Amino acid sequence: MISERDVAFYREQGYLVVPDVLEPETLGVLRRDLAVILEGARAVTSHTDVYDLEPGHRADDPRVRRIKTPHKFLPAFERLTRHPRLLAVLQALLGSGVRLHGSKLNMKSPKYGSPVEWHQDWAFYPSTEAVRAKLENETGRWKWPVWWWIKRFNAWPASVEALSGMFDFNRAPFFQSFM
């Protein structure tokens, strides 16, 4: 699905645009499911396990900021997390140990939306090899049990946010998953 040149570009620049990963039929199903869930926001008056609402939300004028964990209650989005073409791209970029950490849909509506001040979640998104090398060289002895878990099971023992408390990710390189 992507070339070695694409992988090199991603590792250098931290992003990659891959056109036509999803078929038009798949996109149509996702859009229909999203329209249904957005219509359901008319029935709620405050934040729920599904919706984060914008100020001014009303039944006659729904204003949704975010759909939380759509893969848990929308079958099309759950299938998206296992879509072969999407997984092929992710595995080419990140390796075979791709795991679903969470999901959300941030709505960017044209007529409303709370301002989000400039912020930076993470500055760079290198390959996991760069993270492994950084941790291998900079992990203090008291953090070795967590690092042992990562190396032994090839898996993060906690969320990326929790790891940021264990390791100093205020300096590059570090990594975050968007899936």
Foldseek 3Di string as FASTA:
>chain_A
DDDPVQLVCCQVPVDGDDPPLDDPVLVVLVVVLVVVVQLVQLPDDADDQAFHFDPPAHSVRGGTFKGFQCLVPRVSVVVVVVPPSVLVVVCVNANDPDDDPTAMDGDDDDPDDDDDPDDDPADHAHYVVQVLVCCVPDQDPVLVVQNCCCVVVVDHPDAPVVVVVRDVRVDDDDHHDHD
